[in-house]
């Protein structure tokens, strides 16, 4: 499968089976995060892998992960993120997003579903997982085997703005 096919195949899963994600697949997902680029290669991201019932229940107090048997809390490390010298923009959230995207696409390549969750209570996550102040929970990636039918890979033609509306050339 080429990259565009994979990207079209991926969709936001909001219902999972009880089947656990195999250790080999989880390792590949984490390897995808490991090879993701970060600004100045500073790698200012920490991943909290949560798969036991107690940890998933903690996440459930902060977010809906739709019964996923695995979640990765993606955190930016404020102290390690690169800072753009012109305006002080720190790239930790961008780097966290790149790692999340890599993990999400690897999950799809492995036949798993995922959901990128940004609608969560960061203070609850921070407290439940005893995050130090330097770590900012940026998102939660829910992962598992999808329950129900997959989304149509060609759905983007009707659900996205046209490429022409997305793109400006030389202006």
Protein backbone atom coordinates (compact mmCIF):
# COMPACT_ATOMS: atom_id res chain seq x y z
CA UNK A 1 0.00 0.00 0.00
CA UNK A 2 1.43 3.38 -0.88
CA UNK A 3 1.34 6.31 1.52
CA UNK A 4 -1.71 8.07 0.08
CA UNK A 5 -3.71 4.82 0.22
CA UNK A 6 -2.72 4.40 3.87
CA UNK A 7 -3.62 8.00 4.70
CA UNK A 8 -7.04 7.58 3.08
CA UNK A 9 -7.61 4.29 4.92
CA UNK A 10 -7.03 5.84 8.36
CA UNK A 11 -10.10 7.20 10.12
CA UNK A 12 -11.17 8.24 13.62
CA UNK A 13 -12.41 5.15 15.43
CA UNK A 14 -15.03 5.71 18.10
CA UNK A 15 -15.73 2.10 19.04
CA UNK A 16 -13.30 -0.73 19.79
CA UNK A 17 -13.44 -4.46 20.39
CA UNK A 18 -12.07 -5.95 23.61
CA UNK A 19 -9.13 -7.49 21.75
CA UNK A 20 -5.82 -6.32 23.19
CA UNK A 21 -3.14 -4.84 20.95
CA UNK A 22 -0.34 -7.34 20.54
CA UNK A 23 3.05 -6.43 22.05
CA UNK A 24 4.72 -6.65 18.62
CA UNK A 25 2.27 -4.16 17.14
CA UNK A 26 2.67 -1.79 20.09
CA UNK A 27 6.44 -1.98 19.64
CA UNK A 28 6.11 -1.03 15.96
CA UNK A 29 3.85 1.91 16.87
CA UNK A 30 6.42 3.13 19.39
CA UNK A 31 9.20 2.67 16.83
CA UNK A 32 7.21 4.89 14.45
CA UNK A 33 7.22 7.59 17.14
CA UNK A 34 10.93 7.04 17.70
CA UNK A 35 11.84 7.78 14.07
CA UNK A 36 9.59 10.84 13.81
CA UNK A 37 11.39 14.12 13.20
CA UNK A 38 11.49 16.83 15.84
CA UNK A 39 12.81 20.39 15.72
CA UNK A 40 16.61 20.38 15.99
CA UNK A 41 16.29 16.65 16.82
CA UNK A 42 15.76 17.59 20.48
CA UNK A 43 13.00 14.97 20.88
CA UNK A 44 11.12 16.93 23.57
CA UNK A 45 8.32 14.40 23.88
CA UNK A 46 7.40 11.76 26.47
CA UNK A 47 4.93 8.99 25.76
CA UNK A 48 2.90 7.42 28.54
CA UNK A 49 1.63 4.03 27.36
CA UNK A 50 -1.52 3.00 29.18
CA UNK A 51 -3.06 -0.44 28.75
CA UNK A 52 -4.09 -1.72 32.17
CA UNK A 53 -7.63 -1.21 33.42
CA UNK A 54 -6.60 1.10 36.25
CA UNK A 55 -4.71 3.44 33.93
CA UNK A 56 -7.48 3.40 31.32
CA UNK A 57 -9.97 4.27 34.06
CA UNK A 58 -7.78 7.25 35.03
CA UNK A 59 -7.88 8.44 31.43
CA UNK A 60 -11.64 7.87 31.44
CA UNK A 61 -11.99 10.55 34.13
CA UNK A 62 -10.41 13.05 31.73
CA UNK A 63 -11.49 11.94 28.26
CA UNK A 64 -13.62 9.55 26.26
CA UNK A 65 -11.43 6.98 24.52
CA UNK A 66 -14.43 4.91 23.39
CA UNK A 67 -13.38 1.65 25.00
CA UNK A 68 -9.92 1.50 23.41
CA UNK A 69 -7.73 -1.12 25.11
CA UNK A 70 -4.62 1.01 24.65
CA UNK A 71 -3.89 4.71 24.92
CA UNK A 72 -0.76 6.77 24.56
CA UNK A 73 -0.65 10.09 26.37
CA UNK A 74 1.62 12.31 24.29
CA UNK A 75 3.38 14.98 26.32
CA UNK A 76 5.64 17.85 25.28
CA UNK A 77 8.65 18.57 27.46
CA UNK A 78 8.72 22.35 27.81
CA UNK A 79 12.33 22.37 29.00
CA UNK A 80 13.69 20.43 26.02
CA UNK A 81 11.70 21.95 23.14
CA UNK A 82 13.49 24.03 20.55
CA UNK A 83 12.72 27.74 20.58
CA UNK A 84 12.53 29.79 17.42
CA UNK A 85 14.76 32.80 18.10
CA UNK A 86 12.66 35.31 16.15
CA UNK A 87 9.49 35.10 18.21
CA UNK A 88 10.09 32.61 21.03
CA UNK A 89 7.77 29.92 19.60
CA UNK A 90 8.53 26.63 21.36
CA UNK A 91 7.94 23.57 19.21
CA UNK A 92 7.03 20.94 21.80
CA UNK A 93 3.38 20.78 20.74
CA UNK A 94 4.36 20.54 17.07
CA UNK A 95 6.86 17.77 17.79
CA UNK A 96 4.23 15.91 19.83
CA UNK A 97 1.80 16.19 16.91
CA UNK A 98 4.36 14.75 14.48
CA UNK A 99 4.99 11.74 16.75
CA UNK A 100 1.25 11.24 17.15
CA UNK A 101 0.71 11.27 13.40
CA UNK A 102 3.48 8.71 12.88
CA UNK A 103 1.95 6.41 15.53
CA UNK A 104 -1.55 6.84 14.11
CA UNK A 105 -0.46 5.93 10.58
CA UNK A 106 1.59 2.94 11.76
CA UNK A 107 -1.46 1.71 13.68
CA UNK A 108 -3.51 1.94 10.48
CA UNK A 109 -0.81 0.07 8.55
CA UNK A 110 -1.03 -2.70 11.17
CA UNK A 111 -4.81 -3.02 10.84
CA UNK A 112 -5.57 -1.10 14.02
CA UNK A 113 -7.89 1.82 14.55
CA UNK A 114 -7.05 5.00 16.40
CA UNK A 115 -8.50 8.26 17.60
CA UNK A 116 -6.54 11.45 18.20
CA UNK A 117 -8.10 12.95 21.34
CA UNK A 118 -7.53 16.60 22.19
CA UNK A 119 -10.84 17.04 24.04
CA UNK A 120 -9.65 16.08 27.51
CA UNK A 121 -9.04 17.60 30.94
CA UNK A 122 -5.27 18.13 31.14
CA UNK A 123 -5.36 18.83 34.88
CA UNK A 124 -6.94 15.41 35.51
CA UNK A 125 -4.31 13.67 33.34
CA UNK A 126 -1.53 15.66 35.01
CA UNK A 127 -2.69 14.65 38.49
CA UNK A 128 -3.64 11.03 37.71
CA UNK A 129 -0.28 10.29 36.07
CA UNK A 130 1.77 12.59 38.37
CA UNK A 131 3.25 14.57 35.52
CA UNK A 132 6.04 16.98 36.42
CA UNK A 133 5.41 20.64 35.60
CA UNK A 134 7.71 20.53 32.57
CA UNK A 135 5.47 17.96 30.81
CA UNK A 136 2.40 19.24 28.99
CA UNK A 137 -0.15 16.59 27.95
CA UNK A 138 -0.82 17.55 24.31
CA UNK A 139 -3.11 14.73 23.19
CA UNK A 140 -4.15 11.16 23.82
CA UNK A 141 -3.97 8.56 21.08
CA UNK A 142 -6.54 5.79 21.59
CA UNK A 143 -5.60 2.57 19.75
CA UNK A 144 -7.26 -0.80 19.24
CA UNK A 145 -9.24 -3.01 16.91
CA UNK A 146 -12.18 -1.13 15.46
CA UNK A 147 -15.68 -2.38 16.11
CA UNK A 148 -17.93 -1.89 13.12
CA UNK A 149 -17.31 -1.09 9.49
CA UNK A 150 -14.36 0.99 8.37
CA UNK A 151 -14.89 4.43 6.89
CA UNK A 152 -14.85 4.70 3.11
CA UNK A 153 -11.30 5.56 1.98
CA UNK A 154 -12.78 7.83 -0.72
CA UNK A 155 -14.85 9.87 1.77
CA UNK A 156 -12.47 12.82 1.62
CA UNK A 157 -13.80 14.02 -1.73
CA UNK A 158 -17.07 14.89 0.01
CA UNK A 159 -15.83 15.79 3.49
CA UNK A 160 -12.86 18.03 2.77
CA UNK A 161 -12.49 21.35 1.05
CA UNK A 162 -11.04 20.99 -2.45
CA UNK A 163 -7.25 20.99 -2.77
CA UNK A 164 -7.58 24.25 -4.71
CA UNK A 165 -9.24 25.90 -1.70
CA UNK A 166 -6.51 24.56 0.57
CA UNK A 167 -3.61 25.74 -1.55
CA UNK A 168 -2.23 29.11 -2.57
CA UNK A 169 0.53 29.32 -5.17
CA UNK A 170 3.28 31.92 -4.89
CA UNK A 171 1.27 34.45 -2.93
